[in-house]
Amino acid sequence: MSDSISAEQLRLLIERIERLEEEKKGIADDIKDVYGEAKATGFDVKTMRNIVRLRKMEKHHRDEAEMLLETYKQALGI
């Protein structure tokens, strides 16, 4: 009996994962569409992606990354 319960539980978990993967694909497609719309409007998508990445970071991590970038740019004379 426990084998059938475990198998059923496993099947349900796999099916949930599959549904979530489908939803994730749909969301990724939606995000791609928004970036396409932004590009068509004249926005620079590469910069927008960078901004989205930066906004996900905690402020102290963002400050550290920006400080390192500035240090490297100065070292290279950029």
PDB file of N, CA and C in Angstrom:
ATOM      1  N   MET A   1       0.821  -1.197   0.000  1.00  0.00           N
ATOM      2  CA  MET A   1       0.000   0.000   0.000  1.00  0.00           C
ATOM      3  C   MET A   1       0.866   1.263   0.000  1.00  0.00           C
ATOM      4  N   SER A   2       1.937   1.283   0.755  1.00  0.00           N
ATOM      5  CA  SER A   2       2.781   2.474   0.813  1.00  0.00           C
ATOM      6  C   SER A   2       3.459   2.739  -0.531  1.00  0.00           C
ATOM      7  N   ASP A   3       3.750   1.664  -1.291  1.00  0.00           N
ATOM      8  CA  ASP A   3       4.342   1.860  -2.620  1.00  0.00           C
ATOM      9  C   ASP A   3       3.381   2.589  -3.543  1.00  0.00           C
ATOM     10  N   SER A   4       2.096   2.224  -3.486  1.00  0.00           N
ATOM     11  CA  SER A   4       1.125   2.889  -4.352  1.00  0.00           C
ATOM     12  C   SER A   4       0.891   4.329  -3.900  1.00  0.00           C
ATOM     13  N   ILE A   5       0.939   4.571  -2.603  1.00  0.00           N
ATOM     14  CA  ILE A   5       0.790   5.929  -2.105  1.00  0.00           C
ATOM     15  C   ILE A   5       2.003   6.758  -2.530  1.00  0.00           C
ATOM     16  N   SER A   6       3.184   6.219  -2.399  1.00  0.00           N
ATOM     17  CA  SER A   6       4.391   6.934  -2.808  1.00  0.00           C
ATOM     18  C   SER A   6       4.379   7.210  -4.298  1.00  0.00           C
ATOM     19  N   ALA A   7       3.956   6.224  -5.090  1.00  0.00           N
ATOM     20  CA  ALA A   7       3.899   6.396  -6.535  1.00  0.00           C
ATOM     21  C   ALA A   7       2.888   7.478  -6.900  1.00  0.00           C
ATOM     22  N   GLU A   8       1.746   7.474  -6.213  1.00  0.00           N
ATOM     23  CA  GLU A   8       0.718   8.484  -6.476  1.00  0.00           C
ATOM     24  C   GLU A   8       1.224   9.874  -6.092  1.00  0.00           C
ATOM     25  N   GLN A   9       1.875   9.967  -4.955  1.00  0.00           N
ATOM     26  CA  GLN A   9       2.417  11.246  -4.511  1.00  0.00           C
ATOM     27  C   GLN A   9       3.472  11.747  -5.502  1.00  0.00           C
ATOM     28  N   LEU A  10       4.335  10.844  -5.959  1.00  0.00           N
ATOM     29  CA  LEU A  10       5.356  11.201  -6.934  1.00  0.00           C
ATOM     30  C   LEU A  10       4.726  11.697  -8.226  1.00  0.00           C
ATOM     31  N   ARG A  11       3.699  10.986  -8.707  1.00  0.00           N
ATOM     32  CA  ARG A  11       3.013  11.373  -9.936  1.00  0.00           C
ATOM     33  C   ARG A  11       2.414  12.765  -9.798  1.00  0.00           C
ATOM     34  N   LEU A  12       1.771  13.045  -8.667  1.00  0.00           N
ATOM     35  CA  LEU A  12       1.169  14.357  -8.444  1.00  0.00           C
ATOM     36  C   LEU A  12       2.222  15.466  -8.400  1.00  0.00           C
ATOM     37  N   LEU A  13       3.347  15.181  -7.767  1.00  0.00           N
ATOM     38  CA  LEU A  13       4.428  16.166  -7.712  1.00  0.00           C
ATOM     39  C   LEU A  13       4.979  16.448  -9.104  1.00  0.00           C
ATOM     40  N   ILE A  14       5.188  15.404  -9.884  1.00  0.00           N
ATOM     41  CA  ILE A  14       5.693  15.556 -11.253  1.00  0.00           C
ATOM     42  C   ILE A  14       4.714  16.375 -12.088  1.00  0.00           C
ATOM     43  N   GLU A  15       3.427  16.093 -11.953  1.00  0.00           N
ATOM     44  CA  GLU A  15       2.426  16.828 -12.712  1.00  0.00           C
ATOM     45  C   GLU A  15       2.398  18.305 -12.312  1.00  0.00           C
ATOM     46  N   ARG A  16       2.563  18.590 -11.025  1.00  0.00           N
ATOM     47  CA  ARG A  16       2.629  19.990 -10.574  1.00  0.00           C
ATOM     48  C   ARG A  16       3.831  20.692 -11.180  1.00  0.00           C
ATOM     49  N   ILE A  17       4.964  20.016 -11.187  1.00  0.00           N
ATOM     50  CA  ILE A  17       6.175  20.588 -11.776  1.00  0.00           C
ATOM     51  C   ILE A  17       5.955  20.864 -13.260  1.00  0.00           C
ATOM     52  N   GLU A  18       5.345  19.923 -13.947  1.00  0.00           N
ATOM     53  CA  GLU A  18       5.086  20.106 -15.380  1.00  0.00           C
ATOM     54  C   GLU A  18       4.176  21.311 -15.630  1.00  0.00           C
ATOM     55  N   ARG A  19       3.137  21.470 -14.813  1.00  0.00           N
ATOM     56  CA  ARG A  19       2.246  22.629 -14.970  1.00  0.00           C
ATOM     57  C   ARG A  19       2.997  23.933 -14.712  1.00  0.00           C
ATOM     58  N   LEU A  20       3.824  23.933 -13.676  1.00  0.00           N
ATOM     59  CA  LEU A  20       4.601  25.131 -13.356  1.00  0.00           C
ATOM     60  C   LEU A  20       5.601  25.459 -14.456  1.00  0.00           C
ATOM     61  N   GLU A  21       6.208  24.437 -15.047  1.00  0.00           N
ATOM     62  CA  GLU A  21       7.133  24.661 -16.166  1.00  0.00           C
ATOM     63  C   GLU A  21       6.397  25.291 -17.348  1.00  0.00           C
ATOM     64  N   GLU A  22       5.165  24.857 -17.602  1.00  0.00           N
ATOM     65  CA  GLU A  22       4.364  25.440 -18.681  1.00  0.00           C
ATOM     66  C   GLU A  22       4.061  26.902 -18.375  1.00  0.00           C
ATOM     67  N   GLU A  23       3.687  27.178 -17.116  1.00  0.00           N
ATOM     68  CA  GLU A  23       3.409  28.555 -16.717  1.00  0.00           C
ATOM     69  C   GLU A  23       4.662  29.411 -16.849  1.00  0.00           C
ATOM     70  N   LYS A  24       5.812  28.846 -16.456  1.00  0.00           N
ATOM     71  CA  LYS A  24       7.079  29.571 -16.549  1.00  0.00           C
ATOM     72  C   LYS A  24       7.383  29.918 -18.005  1.00  0.00           C
ATOM     73  N   LYS A  25       7.135  28.980 -18.916  1.00  0.00           N
ATOM     74  CA  LYS A  25       7.361  29.228 -20.341  1.00  0.00           C
ATOM     75  C   LYS A  25       6.443  30.339 -20.828  1.00  0.00           C
ATOM     76  N   GLY A  26       5.197  30.307 -20.392  1.00  0.00           N
ATOM     77  CA  GLY A  26       4.243  31.347 -20.784  1.00  0.00           C
ATOM     78  C   GLY A  26       4.673  32.715 -20.283  1.00  0.00           C
ATOM     79  N   ILE A  27       5.155  32.773 -19.052  1.00  0.00           N
ATOM     80  CA  ILE A  27       5.621  34.036 -18.483  1.00  0.00           C
ATOM     81  C   ILE A  27       6.865  34.522 -19.225  1.00  0.00           C
ATOM     82  N   ALA A  28       7.782  33.609 -19.538  1.00  0.00           N
ATOM     83  CA  ALA A  28       8.988  33.982 -20.288  1.00  0.00           C
ATOM     84  C   ALA A  28       8.601  34.556 -21.651  1.00  0.00           C
ATOM     85  N   ASP A  29       7.601  33.958 -22.297  1.00  0.00           N
ATOM     86  CA  ASP A  29       7.123  34.474 -23.581  1.00  0.00           C
ATOM     87  C   ASP A  29       6.531  35.870 -23.414  1.00  0.00           C
ATOM     88  N   ASP A  30       5.785  36.083 -22.325  1.00  0.00           N
ATOM     89  CA  ASP A  30       5.202  37.402 -22.051  1.00  0.00           C
ATOM     90  C   ASP A  30       6.296  38.448 -21.846  1.00  0.00           C
ATOM     91  N   ILE A  31       7.330  38.086 -21.094  1.00  0.00           N
ATOM     92  CA  ILE A  31       8.444  39.010 -20.854  1.00  0.00           C
ATOM     93  C   ILE A  31       9.129  39.352 -22.171  1.00  0.00           C
ATOM     94  N   LYS A  32       9.332  38.344 -23.015  1.00  0.00           N
ATOM     95  CA  LYS A  32       9.941  38.575 -24.326  1.00  0.00           C
ATOM     96  C   LYS A  32       9.094  39.546 -25.149  1.00  0.00           C
ATOM     97  N   ASP A  33       7.779  39.392 -25.071  1.00  0.00           N
ATOM     98  CA  ASP A  33       6.884  40.292 -25.797  1.00  0.00           C
ATOM     99  C   ASP A  33       7.009  41.730 -25.293  1.00  0.00           C
ATOM    100  N   VAL A  34       7.121  41.895 -23.968  1.00  0.00           N
ATOM    101  CA  VAL A  34       7.249  43.244 -23.398  1.00  0.00           C
ATOM    102  C   VAL A  34       8.561  43.882 -23.850  1.00  0.00           C
ATOM    103  N   TYR A  35       9.645  43.115 -23.851  1.00  0.00           N
ATOM    104  CA  TYR A  35      10.916  43.653 -24.335  1.00  0.00           C
ATOM    105  C   TYR A  35      10.813  44.011 -25.816  1.00  0.00           C
ATOM    106  N   GLY A  36      10.106  43.197 -26.583  1.00  0.00           N
ATOM    107  CA  GLY A  36       9.901  43.511 -27.999  1.00  0.00           C
ATOM    108  C   GLY A  36       9.125  44.799 -28.186  1.00  0.00           C
ATOM    109  N   GLU A  37       8.111  44.992 -27.363  1.00  0.00           N
ATOM    110  CA  GLU A  37       7.322  46.226 -27.398  1.00  0.00           C
ATOM    111  C   GLU A  37       8.195  47.426 -27.029  1.00  0.00           C
ATOM    112  N   ALA A  38       9.033  47.250 -26.010  1.00  0.00           N
ATOM    113  CA  ALA A  38       9.932  48.328 -25.588  1.00  0.00           C
ATOM    114  C   ALA A  38      10.892  48.696 -26.714  1.00  0.00           C
ATOM    115  N   LYS A  39      11.431  47.678 -27.384  1.00  0.00           N
ATOM    116  CA  LYS A  39      12.363  47.919 -28.489  1.00  0.00           C
ATOM    117  C   LYS A  39      11.661  48.659 -29.628  1.00  0.00           C
ATOM    118  N   ALA A  40      10.434  48.243 -29.930  1.00  0.00           N
ATOM    119  CA  ALA A  40       9.672  48.883 -31.000  1.00  0.00           C
ATOM    120  C   ALA A  40       9.356  50.344 -30.674  1.00  0.00           C
ATOM    121  N   THR A  41       9.291  50.644 -29.374  1.00  0.00           N
ATOM    122  CA  THR A  41       9.010  52.005 -28.927  1.00  0.00           C
ATOM    123  C   THR A  41      10.269  52.866 -28.917  1.00  0.00           C
ATOM    124  N   GLY A  42      11.431  52.218 -29.052  1.00  0.00           N
ATOM    125  CA  GLY A  42      12.681  52.963 -29.114  1.00  0.00           C
ATOM    126  C   GLY A  42      13.571  52.825 -27.888  1.00  0.00           C
ATOM    127  N   PHE A  43      13.160  51.998 -26.931  1.00  0.00           N
ATOM    128  CA  PHE A  43      14.000  51.792 -25.753  1.00  0.00           C
ATOM    129  C   PHE A  43      15.113  50.794 -26.054  1.00  0.00           C
ATOM    130  N   ASP A  44      16.232  50.938 -25.348  1.00  0.00           N
ATOM    131  CA  ASP A  44      17.352  50.019 -25.490  1.00  0.00           C
ATOM    132  C   ASP A  44      17.125  48.836 -24.550  1.00  0.00           C
ATOM    133  N   VAL A  45      16.850  47.672 -25.137  1.00  0.00           N
ATOM    134  CA  VAL A  45      16.485  46.491 -24.367  1.00  0.00           C
ATOM    135  C   VAL A  45      17.648  45.997 -23.510  1.00  0.00           C
ATOM    136  N   LYS A  46      18.851  46.073 -24.021  1.00  0.00           N
ATOM    137  CA  LYS A  46      20.014  45.623 -23.250  1.00  0.00           C
ATOM    138  C   LYS A  46      20.130  46.426 -21.956  1.00  0.00           C
ATOM    139  N   THR A  47      19.937  47.721 -22.050  1.00  0.00           N
ATOM    140  CA  THR A  47      19.992  48.574 -20.867  1.00  0.00           C
ATOM    141  C   THR A  47      18.836  48.266 -19.929  1.00  0.00           C
ATOM    142  N   MET A  48      17.667  48.029 -20.476  1.00  0.00           N
ATOM    143  CA  MET A  48      16.511  47.679 -19.634  1.00  0.00           C
ATOM    144  C   MET A  48      16.758  46.385 -18.871  1.00  0.00           C
ATOM    145  N   ARG A  49      17.332  45.384 -19.551  1.00  0.00           N
ATOM    146  CA  ARG A  49      17.638  44.118 -18.868  1.00  0.00           C
ATOM    147  C   ARG A  49      18.632  44.354 -17.732  1.00  0.00           C
ATOM    148  N   ASN A  50      19.596  45.224 -17.980  1.00  0.00           N
ATOM    149  CA  ASN A  50      20.584  45.548 -16.960  1.00  0.00           C
ATOM    150  C   ASN A  50      19.910  46.221 -15.758  1.00  0.00           C
ATOM    151  N   ILE A  51      18.985  47.141 -16.024  1.00  0.00           N
ATOM    152  CA  ILE A  51      18.259  47.821 -14.956  1.00  0.00           C
ATOM    153  C   ILE A  51      17.431  46.813 -14.147  1.00  0.00           C
ATOM    154  N   VAL A  52      16.751  45.910 -14.823  1.00  0.00           N
ATOM    155  CA  VAL A  52      15.947  44.892 -14.131  1.00  0.00           C
ATOM    156  C   VAL A  52      16.854  44.049 -13.233  1.00  0.00           C
ATOM    157  N   ARG A  53      18.027  43.675 -13.756  1.00  0.00           N
ATOM    158  CA  ARG A  53      18.979  42.884 -12.968  1.00  0.00           C
ATOM    159  C   ARG A  53      19.436  43.663 -11.739  1.00  0.00           C
ATOM    160  N   LEU A  54      19.747  44.949 -11.931  1.00  0.00           N
ATOM    161  CA  LEU A  54      20.206  45.777 -10.816  1.00  0.00           C
ATOM    162  C   LEU A  54      19.120  45.960  -9.759  1.00  0.00           C
ATOM    163  N   ARG A  55      17.887  46.122 -10.194  1.00  0.00           N
ATOM    164  CA  ARG A  55      16.788  46.334  -9.247  1.00  0.00           C
ATOM    165  C   ARG A  55      16.513  45.097  -8.406  1.00  0.00           C
ATOM    166  N   LYS A  56      16.884  43.927  -8.907  1.00  0.00           N
ATOM    167  CA  LYS A  56      16.714  42.693  -8.132  1.00  0.00           C
ATOM    168  C   LYS A  56      17.723  42.595  -6.992  1.00  0.00           C
ATOM    169  N   MET A  57      18.829  43.300  -7.140  1.00  0.00           N
ATOM    170  CA  MET A  57      19.915  43.216  -6.164  1.00  0.00           C
ATOM    171  C   MET A  57      19.594  44.058  -4.932  1.00  0.00           C
ATOM    172  N   GLU A  58      20.100  43.612  -3.791  1.00  0.00           N
ATOM    173  CA  GLU A  58      20.013  44.432  -2.586  1.00  0.00           C
ATOM    174  C   GLU A  58      20.929  45.631  -2.778  1.00  0.00           C
ATOM    175  N   LYS A  59      20.579  46.741  -2.140  1.00  0.00           N
ATOM    176  CA  LYS A  59      21.301  47.988  -2.358  1.00  0.00           C
ATOM    177  C   LYS A  59      22.796  47.840  -2.098  1.00  0.00           C
ATOM    178  N   HIS A  60      23.183  47.174  -1.020  1.00  0.00           N
ATOM    179  CA  HIS A  60      24.620  47.076  -0.722  1.00  0.00           C
ATOM    180  C   HIS A  60      25.351  46.236  -1.774  1.00  0.00           C
ATOM    181  N   HIS A  61      24.692  45.238  -2.351  1.00  0.00           N
ATOM    182  CA  HIS A  61      25.307  44.445  -3.420  1.00  0.00           C
ATOM    183  C   HIS A  61      25.419  45.282  -4.695  1.00  0.00           C
ATOM    184  N   ARG A  62      24.380  46.063  -4.964  1.00  0.00           N
ATOM    185  CA  ARG A  62      24.387  46.935  -6.141  1.00  0.00           C
ATOM    186  C   ARG A  62      25.481  47.990  -6.008  1.00  0.00           C
ATOM    187  N   ASP A  63      25.582  48.601  -4.822  1.00  0.00           N
ATOM    188  CA  ASP A  63      26.623  49.605  -4.588  1.00  0.00           C
ATOM    189  C   ASP A  63      28.010  49.008  -4.762  1.00  0.00           C
ATOM    190  N   GLU A  64      28.201  47.798  -4.251  1.00  0.00           N
ATOM    191  CA  GLU A  64      29.501  47.127  -4.374  1.00  0.00           C
ATOM    192  C   GLU A  64      29.829  46.849  -5.844  1.00  0.00           C
ATOM    193  N   ALA A  65      28.849  46.358  -6.594  1.00  0.00           N
ATOM    194  CA  ALA A  65      29.060  46.051  -8.011  1.00  0.00           C
ATOM    195  C   ALA A  65      29.393  47.321  -8.796  1.00  0.00           C
ATOM    196  N   GLU A  66      28.681  48.404  -8.500  1.00  0.00           N
ATOM    197  CA  GLU A  66      28.941  49.665  -9.193  1.00  0.00           C
ATOM    198  C   GLU A  66      30.320  50.216  -8.832  1.00  0.00           C
ATOM    199  N   MET A  67      30.720  50.058  -7.563  1.00  0.00           N
ATOM    200  CA  MET A  67      32.035  50.525  -7.140  1.00  0.00           C
ATOM    201  C   MET A  67      33.139  49.726  -7.842  1.00  0.00           C
ATOM    202  N   LEU A  68      32.959  48.416  -7.927  1.00  0.00           N
ATOM    203  CA  LEU A  68      33.948  47.580  -8.617  1.00  0.00           C
ATOM    204  C   LEU A  68      34.035  47.937 -10.094  1.00  0.00           C
ATOM    205  N   LEU A  69      32.884  48.144 -10.718  1.00  0.00           N
ATOM    206  CA  LEU A  69      32.876  48.516 -12.131  1.00  0.00           C
ATOM    207  C   LEU A  69      33.624  49.833 -12.328  1.00  0.00           C
ATOM    208  N   GLU A  70      33.365  50.796 -11.478  1.00  0.00           N
ATOM    209  CA  GLU A  70      34.038  52.088 -11.590  1.00  0.00           C
ATOM    210  C   GLU A  70      35.545  51.934 -11.369  1.00  0.00           C
ATOM    211  N   THR A  71      35.939  51.114 -10.392  1.00  0.00           N
ATOM    212  CA  THR A  71      37.358  50.867 -10.129  1.00  0.00           C
ATOM    213  C   THR A  71      38.034  50.244 -11.345  1.00  0.00           C
ATOM    214  N   TYR A  72      37.396  49.256 -11.948  1.00  0.00           N
ATOM    215  CA  TYR A  72      37.961  48.587 -13.130  1.00  0.00           C
ATOM    216  C   TYR A  72      38.049  49.553 -14.312  1.00  0.00           C
ATOM    217  N   LYS A  73      37.001  50.380 -14.484  1.00  0.00           N
ATOM    218  CA  LYS A  73      37.023  51.341 -15.580  1.00  0.00           C
ATOM    219  C   LYS A  73      38.178  52.334 -15.404  1.00  0.00           C
ATOM    220  N   GLN A  74      38.360  52.805 -14.189  1.00  0.00           N
ATOM    221  CA  GLN A  74      39.458  53.735 -13.932  1.00  0.00           C
ATOM    222  C   GLN A  74      40.804  53.068 -14.184  1.00  0.00           C
ATOM    223  N   ALA A  75      40.945  51.812 -13.763  1.00  0.00           N
ATOM    224  CA  ALA A  75      42.202  51.093 -13.955  1.00  0.00           C
ATOM    225  C   ALA A  75      42.513  50.918 -15.443  1.00  0.00           C
ATOM    226  N   LEU A  76      41.476  50.815 -16.256  1.00  0.00           N
ATOM    227  CA  LEU A  76      41.662  50.634 -17.699  1.00  0.00           C
ATOM    228  C   LEU A  76      41.609  51.944 -18.472  1.00  0.00           C
ATOM    229  N   GLY A  77      41.390  53.051 -17.762  1.00  0.00           N
ATOM    230  CA  GLY A  77      41.341  54.348 -18.421  1.00  0.00           C
ATOM    231  C   GLY A  77      40.117  54.542 -19.288  1.00  0.00           C
ATOM    232  N   ILE A  78      39.045  53.943 -18.884  1.00  0.00           N
ATOM    233  CA  ILE A  78      37.790  54.050 -19.664  1.00  0.00           C
ATOM    234  C   ILE A  78      36.947  55.185 -19.080  1.00  0.00           C
TER     235      ILE A  78
END
